[in-house]
Protein backbone atom coordinates (compact mmCIF):
# COMPACT_ATOMS: atom_id res chain seq x y z
CA MET A 1 -0.05 0.16 0.01
CA ARG A 2 2.80 2.31 0.92
CA GLN A 3 4.72 1.54 -2.42
CA ARG A 4 1.46 2.43 -4.30
CA THR A 5 0.79 5.59 -2.55
CA ALA A 6 4.36 6.52 -3.26
CA ALA A 7 4.07 5.61 -6.83
CA VAL A 8 0.98 7.85 -7.20
CA ALA A 9 2.75 10.68 -5.52
CA ALA A 10 5.65 10.41 -7.87
CA LEU A 11 3.51 10.31 -10.92
CA VAL A 12 1.70 13.50 -9.89
CA VAL A 13 5.02 15.31 -9.05
CA ALA A 14 6.28 14.20 -12.50
CA LEU A 15 3.13 15.52 -14.17
CA ALA A 16 3.46 18.73 -12.22
CA VAL A 17 7.05 19.39 -13.17
CA SER A 18 6.21 18.43 -16.89
CA ALA A 19 3.25 20.78 -17.05
CA CYS A 20 5.19 23.60 -15.58
CA SER A 21 8.30 23.28 -17.96
CA GLY A 22 6.87 24.40 -21.17
CA PRO A 23 8.60 26.99 -23.30
CA THR A 24 6.61 29.91 -21.99
CA THR A 25 6.35 31.41 -18.49
CA GLU A 26 3.92 34.40 -19.01
CA SER A 27 1.32 32.60 -16.77
CA GLU A 28 3.67 32.24 -13.86
CA PRO A 29 3.12 34.45 -10.90
CA ALA A 30 5.87 36.98 -10.04
CA GLY A 31 6.15 39.08 -6.86
CA GLU A 32 6.80 38.73 -3.34
CA THR A 33 6.06 35.61 -1.36
CA ARG A 34 3.36 35.57 1.01
CA SER A 35 2.75 33.09 4.02
CA VAL A 36 -0.88 32.06 4.14
CA VAL A 37 -1.88 30.09 7.43
CA HIS A 38 -4.54 27.42 6.96
CA ALA A 39 -5.84 24.15 8.30
CA ARG A 40 -2.65 22.31 7.41
CA GLY A 41 -0.17 24.80 8.43
CA THR A 42 1.37 27.54 6.11
CA ALA A 43 1.45 27.89 2.32
CA GLU A 44 4.08 30.07 0.69
CA ILE A 45 2.50 31.69 -2.31
CA VAL A 46 4.49 33.84 -4.74
CA GLY A 47 2.84 36.89 -6.20
CA THR A 48 -0.72 36.86 -7.41
CA PRO A 49 -2.11 33.34 -8.42
CA GLU A 50 -3.60 33.05 -11.98
CA ARG A 51 -4.11 29.43 -12.53
CA VAL A 52 -6.26 28.33 -9.52
CA VAL A 53 -7.99 24.82 -9.05
CA VAL A 54 -10.85 24.76 -6.76
CA LEU A 55 -11.97 21.26 -5.09
CA ASP A 56 -15.35 22.15 -3.60
CA THR A 57 -18.52 24.17 -4.60
CA GLY A 58 -17.78 26.92 -1.87
CA GLU A 59 -14.31 27.55 -3.20
CA LEU A 60 -15.57 27.85 -6.76
CA ASP A 61 -18.15 30.32 -5.66
CA SER A 62 -15.86 32.39 -3.54
CA VAL A 63 -13.05 32.51 -6.11
CA LEU A 64 -15.51 33.72 -8.84
CA ALA A 65 -16.97 36.22 -6.51
CA LEU A 66 -13.52 37.46 -5.87
CA GLY A 67 -13.01 38.14 -9.52
CA VAL A 68 -10.94 35.15 -10.46
CA THR A 69 -11.82 32.50 -12.96
CA PRO A 70 -10.19 29.14 -11.87
CA VAL A 71 -8.57 26.99 -14.52
CA GLY A 72 -10.02 23.62 -12.97
CA ALA A 73 -12.80 22.75 -10.68
CA VAL A 74 -14.61 19.62 -9.57
CA GLU A 75 -18.22 18.89 -10.04
CA PRO A 76 -20.54 17.69 -7.08
CA LEU A 77 -21.54 14.45 -8.93
CA ALA A 78 -20.14 12.84 -12.08
CA GLY A 79 -21.57 14.22 -15.18
CA ALA A 80 -23.59 16.73 -13.16
CA GLY A 81 -21.38 19.70 -14.32
CA LEU A 82 -20.84 22.95 -12.49
CA MET A 83 -23.79 24.59 -10.61
CA PRO A 84 -26.08 26.08 -12.91
CA TYR A 85 -26.78 29.04 -10.65
CA LEU A 86 -23.27 30.24 -11.51
CA GLY A 87 -24.28 30.83 -15.10
CA GLU A 88 -21.63 31.97 -17.46
CA ARG A 89 -19.09 32.57 -15.04
CA THR A 90 -18.02 28.92 -15.26
CA ALA A 91 -17.28 29.24 -19.02
CA GLY A 92 -13.93 27.64 -19.83
CA ILE A 93 -13.22 25.91 -16.43
CA GLU A 94 -12.26 22.43 -16.81
CA ILE A 95 -13.57 19.54 -14.82
CA VAL A 96 -11.06 17.92 -12.84
CA GLY A 97 -13.21 14.91 -11.25
CA THR A 98 -15.63 15.02 -8.62
CA ILE A 99 -15.78 16.32 -5.00
CA GLY A 100 -15.28 12.69 -3.88
CA GLU A 101 -12.71 11.73 -6.37
CA PRO A 102 -10.60 14.82 -7.83
CA ASN A 103 -8.39 13.76 -10.62
CA LEU A 104 -4.78 14.50 -9.61
CA GLU A 105 -3.29 13.82 -13.02
CA ALA A 106 -5.93 16.33 -14.59
CA ILE A 107 -4.99 18.84 -11.81
CA ALA A 108 -1.27 18.45 -12.29
CA ALA A 109 -1.79 18.77 -16.14
CA LEU A 110 -3.18 22.29 -15.62
CA ALA A 111 -0.05 23.57 -13.91
CA PRO A 112 -1.81 25.43 -11.27
CA ASP A 113 -0.15 28.01 -9.06
CA LEU A 114 -2.70 27.58 -6.18
CA ILE A 115 -5.15 24.72 -5.20
CA LEU A 116 -8.00 25.50 -2.79
CA SER A 117 -10.03 22.89 -0.78
CA SER A 118 -10.83 21.87 2.91
CA GLU A 119 -9.54 19.38 5.43
CA VAL A 120 -12.96 17.85 5.80
CA ARG A 121 -13.12 17.08 2.10
CA HIS A 122 -9.62 16.18 1.08
CA ALA A 123 -7.55 15.39 4.12
CA ASP A 124 -5.92 12.43 2.54
CA LEU A 125 -4.97 14.17 -0.46
CA TYR A 126 -3.17 17.13 0.86
CA ASP A 127 0.29 15.71 0.31
CA GLN A 128 -0.14 14.89 -3.17
CA LEU A 129 -1.93 18.27 -3.88
CA SER A 130 0.86 20.34 -2.22
CA ALA A 131 3.31 18.46 -4.37
CA ILE A 132 1.59 19.86 -7.50
CA ALA A 133 1.12 23.44 -6.19
CA PRO A 134 0.78 25.60 -2.93
CA THR A 135 -2.28 24.24 -1.33
CA VAL A 136 -4.58 26.15 1.00
CA PHE A 137 -7.09 23.93 3.13
CA ALA A 138 -10.02 25.48 4.92
CA GLU A 139 -11.08 23.47 8.06
CA THR A 140 -14.51 22.73 7.23
CA VAL A 141 -17.29 23.87 5.00
CA GLY A 142 -20.86 25.31 5.34
CA VAL A 143 -21.37 27.37 8.64
CA VAL A 144 -17.83 28.84 8.23
CA TRP A 145 -18.37 30.07 4.59
CA LYS A 146 -17.30 33.65 5.56
CA GLU A 147 -14.18 32.60 7.07
CA ASN A 148 -13.53 30.28 4.09
CA LEU A 149 -14.02 33.39 1.85
CA ARG A 150 -11.53 35.37 3.72
CA LEU A 151 -9.05 32.45 3.54
CA ALA A 152 -9.44 32.25 -0.19
CA ALA A 153 -9.12 36.08 -0.49
CA ASP A 154 -5.72 35.95 1.54
CA ALA A 155 -4.64 33.08 -0.73
CA LEU A 156 -5.40 35.08 -3.76
CA GLY A 157 -3.83 38.58 -2.32
CA VAL A 158 -7.16 40.39 -2.25
CA PRO A 159 -8.23 40.44 1.41
CA ASP A 160 -9.92 43.78 0.84
CA GLU A 161 -12.31 42.24 -1.49
CA ALA A 162 -13.63 39.64 0.83
CA ASP A 163 -14.33 42.71 3.09
CA ARG A 164 -16.36 44.48 0.50
CA LEU A 165 -18.30 41.35 -0.48
CA LEU A 166 -19.19 40.50 3.10
CA ALA A 167 -20.30 44.09 3.86
CA GLY A 168 -22.64 43.96 0.98
CA TYR A 169 -23.95 40.43 1.97
CA SER A 170 -24.66 41.71 5.52
CA ALA A 171 -26.54 44.79 4.26
CA LYS A 172 -28.52 42.67 2.01
CA ALA A 173 -29.46 40.05 4.82
CA ALA A 174 -30.78 42.93 6.84
CA ALA A 175 -32.93 44.29 3.99
CA THR A 176 -34.25 40.77 3.14
CA GLY A 177 -35.33 40.35 6.81
CA SER A 178 -36.78 43.94 6.92
CA ALA A 179 -39.04 43.04 3.88
CA PHE A 180 -40.90 40.61 6.40
CA GLY A 181 -41.49 43.30 8.82
CA ASP A 182 -40.49 41.50 12.03
CA PRO A 183 -38.52 38.32 10.77
CA SER A 184 -38.05 37.11 14.25
CA ALA A 185 -41.74 36.24 13.92
CA VAL A 186 -41.43 34.16 10.83
CA ALA A 187 -40.15 30.55 11.39
CA VAL A 188 -38.53 29.45 8.13
CA SER A 189 -38.19 25.62 7.91
CA MET A 190 -35.53 23.81 5.57
CA ILE A 191 -36.03 20.26 4.44
CA ARG A 192 -33.95 18.35 1.99
CA PHE A 193 -34.33 14.94 0.56
CA THR A 194 -31.34 12.84 -0.15
CA ASP A 195 -30.94 9.11 -0.98
CA GLY A 196 -33.17 7.56 1.66
CA THR A 197 -32.90 10.27 4.34
CA VAL A 198 -34.87 13.38 5.17
CA ARG A 199 -32.97 16.24 6.56
CA LEU A 200 -33.92 19.33 8.47
CA TYR A 201 -31.20 21.82 8.24
CA GLY A 202 -30.10 23.76 11.43
CA THR A 203 -28.22 26.67 12.52
CA GLY A 204 -24.90 25.09 11.89
CA SER A 205 -25.28 25.07 8.08
CA PHE A 206 -24.72 27.42 5.23
CA ILE A 207 -28.42 28.20 4.82
CA GLY A 208 -28.76 28.32 8.63
CA THR A 209 -26.31 31.28 8.57
CA LEU A 210 -28.27 33.14 6.06
CA LEU A 211 -31.44 32.68 7.93
CA ALA A 212 -29.78 33.77 10.98
CA ASP A 213 -28.14 37.01 9.63
CA SER A 214 -31.63 37.99 8.24
CA GLY A 215 -33.26 37.64 11.52
CA PHE A 216 -35.75 34.74 11.03
CA ALA A 217 -36.87 32.41 13.54
CA ARG A 218 -36.49 28.46 13.13
CA PRO A 219 -38.87 25.68 13.92
CA VAL A 220 -37.88 24.11 17.28
CA GLU A 221 -36.38 21.06 15.38
CA GLN A 222 -34.09 23.14 13.40
CA GLN A 223 -32.54 25.42 16.28
CA ALA A 224 -29.72 22.89 17.00
CA ASP A 225 -26.23 24.00 16.35
CA GLU A 226 -25.81 21.25 13.85
CA VAL A 227 -25.62 21.11 10.08
CA PHE A 228 -29.02 18.83 9.93
CA VAL A 229 -30.99 16.36 11.94
CA GLU A 230 -32.42 13.43 9.98
CA VAL A 231 -35.96 12.34 10.44
CA SER A 232 -38.03 9.66 9.00
CA ALA A 233 -40.69 10.02 6.13
CA GLU A 234 -43.38 9.61 8.98
CA GLN A 235 -41.92 12.60 10.88
CA LEU A 236 -42.64 15.24 8.20
CA SER A 237 -44.77 17.05 10.40
CA LEU A 238 -41.69 18.33 12.15
CA ALA A 239 -40.76 20.16 8.92
CA ASP A 240 -43.63 22.50 9.23
CA GLY A 241 -42.93 26.32 9.60
CA ASP A 242 -44.17 29.78 8.66
CA LEU A 243 -42.29 29.30 5.49
CA LEU A 244 -41.13 25.94 4.21
CA PHE A 245 -38.46 25.41 1.53
CA TYR A 246 -37.65 22.00 0.19
CA GLY A 247 -35.34 20.53 -2.26
CA ALA A 248 -33.52 17.42 -3.19
CA TYR A 249 -29.83 16.12 -3.86
CA GLY A 250 -29.31 13.79 -6.77
CA ALA A 251 -31.50 11.61 -8.68
CA GLU A 252 -32.32 9.34 -5.80
CA GLY A 253 -33.27 12.35 -3.44
CA ALA A 254 -35.48 13.80 -6.18
CA GLU A 255 -37.29 10.24 -6.25
CA ASP A 256 -37.70 10.53 -2.38
CA LEU A 257 -39.01 14.20 -2.75
CA THR A 258 -41.63 13.07 -5.36
CA ALA A 259 -42.82 10.20 -3.21
CA ALA A 260 -42.93 12.24 -0.02
CA THR A 261 -44.79 15.17 -1.63
CA ALA A 262 -47.23 12.72 -3.30
CA GLY A 263 -47.77 10.96 0.04
CA PRO A 264 -50.60 11.58 2.56
CA LEU A 265 -48.61 13.48 5.11
CA TRP A 266 -47.39 16.28 2.94
CA SER A 267 -50.55 17.65 2.37
CA THR A 268 -51.50 17.81 6.03
CA LEU A 269 -48.69 20.32 6.70
CA PRO A 270 -50.17 23.75 7.27
CA ALA A 271 -47.28 25.30 5.24
CA VAL A 272 -48.36 23.11 2.23
CA ALA A 273 -52.02 23.36 2.60
CA GLN A 274 -51.84 27.24 2.69
CA GLY A 275 -49.27 27.67 -0.03
CA ARG A 276 -46.41 28.57 2.11
CA ALA A 277 -44.12 25.67 1.04
CA HIS A 278 -41.66 26.26 -2.01
CA GLU A 279 -39.28 23.94 -3.86
CA ILE A 280 -35.86 25.27 -4.27
CA ASP A 281 -32.87 24.60 -6.42
CA ASP A 282 -30.70 22.34 -4.31
CA ASP A 283 -27.44 23.45 -6.04
CA LEU A 284 -28.07 26.92 -5.01
CA TRP A 285 -29.49 26.72 -1.41
CA TYR A 286 -27.52 23.77 -0.42
CA LEU A 287 -24.19 23.46 -2.58
CA GLY A 288 -23.47 27.10 -3.18
CA ILE A 289 -21.89 27.88 0.08
CA GLY A 290 -20.52 31.18 -0.95
CA PRO A 291 -21.47 34.89 -1.49
CA ILE A 292 -22.77 34.35 -5.00
CA ALA A 293 -25.11 31.61 -3.68
CA ALA A 294 -25.89 33.81 -0.60
CA GLY A 295 -26.99 36.81 -2.74
CA GLN A 296 -29.22 34.75 -5.03
CA VAL A 297 -30.92 32.80 -2.00
CA LEU A 298 -31.54 36.25 -0.17
CA ASP A 299 -33.25 37.38 -3.52
CA GLU A 300 -35.37 34.24 -3.55
CA LEU A 301 -36.29 34.63 0.14
CA ALA A 302 -37.27 38.32 -0.41
CA ALA A 303 -39.64 37.26 -3.24
CA HIS A 304 -41.88 35.41 -0.61
CA ALA A 305 -42.10 38.58 1.55
CA PRO A 306 -45.74 39.73 2.09
CA ALA A 307 -47.05 42.27 -0.43
C-alpha cells in the first residue's frame, strides 16, 4: 500500500514538473512571497495566483466572487457539471473530477499555481496536492463560509475584496429580513431529501447562517447548532414552519421528494395546505456555500415577503 501511494505521488509530481516546464512562462506568478496560514499549516504563495484549481463548491463560488476564474474545478457528482446558478461565470473551467474523487493527473496537467479545498473534504490528498502547487485548506465547510471566503481572498492576495463582499452581504441580509416586517416572528423551515434520508437543516449550516443573519426564527427541531438532523418520512410534521423550503440532492433524492410530496402526510402540513411551501434549487440553496449563492438565496427569500 505504501509503495502504491508513493508511486501515485511520484506520478503526480512528475506531471506537475512536466506541465510547468513548457517554453513559455507568461502565466507564472511574479512578486513577493506571502505566507498564508490554513488548516494544514502555512502555504508559501508567490505573487498573485493566476491558475487556480478549486476542489469544492464553496471555493468555486468564493473564487468567482473574488474576480478570479479558476482553470479547474470539480463537479458535485459525475456528469452533473458545475452549478447552474453560476451561469456564464464557469465558462472555460475544466472539470477535474468530482468532489469525492478529484483527478490528480488532470489537476497537475493544468499547472496550477494555487489549489483550494478543505480538510473535511480532502485531508488524505493534501500531500499529493501540495506536491503539485501551493495548497490552502479550510478546516471545514458550510457554516464557516465567511471565514473560508476570507481565507481564499488571503490566498489570492485580495483580502480587501472579501471585506467588500461581506459588507454587501450583511446589508442585503438585513434588508431581506426587514421585507418581512419582524423576521423574528417568521419561522423558516428547511428540508432536504437525499438518498433514503430526510434532513432538516439547522443553524450550523450555510443556509442556517443566511436565515440567522436575516433575523428569521427557526422551527424548534431546526434550532440545534448542527448542519442537519435526520427524520423519518413519517416525521414530516416536524418540517412545518411559517415558510417551508424543500429541495432534493441527486436523482435518488428527487425520487424521495416525489414520493414524499405525493404521500398523505405532505398535504397535512399547514405550510403546504396554505401555499407557504416552496421547492428550491438544491445546487443553489445547499451546495453553493459562498457569496454568490448567498446573494441569490436572499433574493429568492425576499420574493416571498408579504406584499
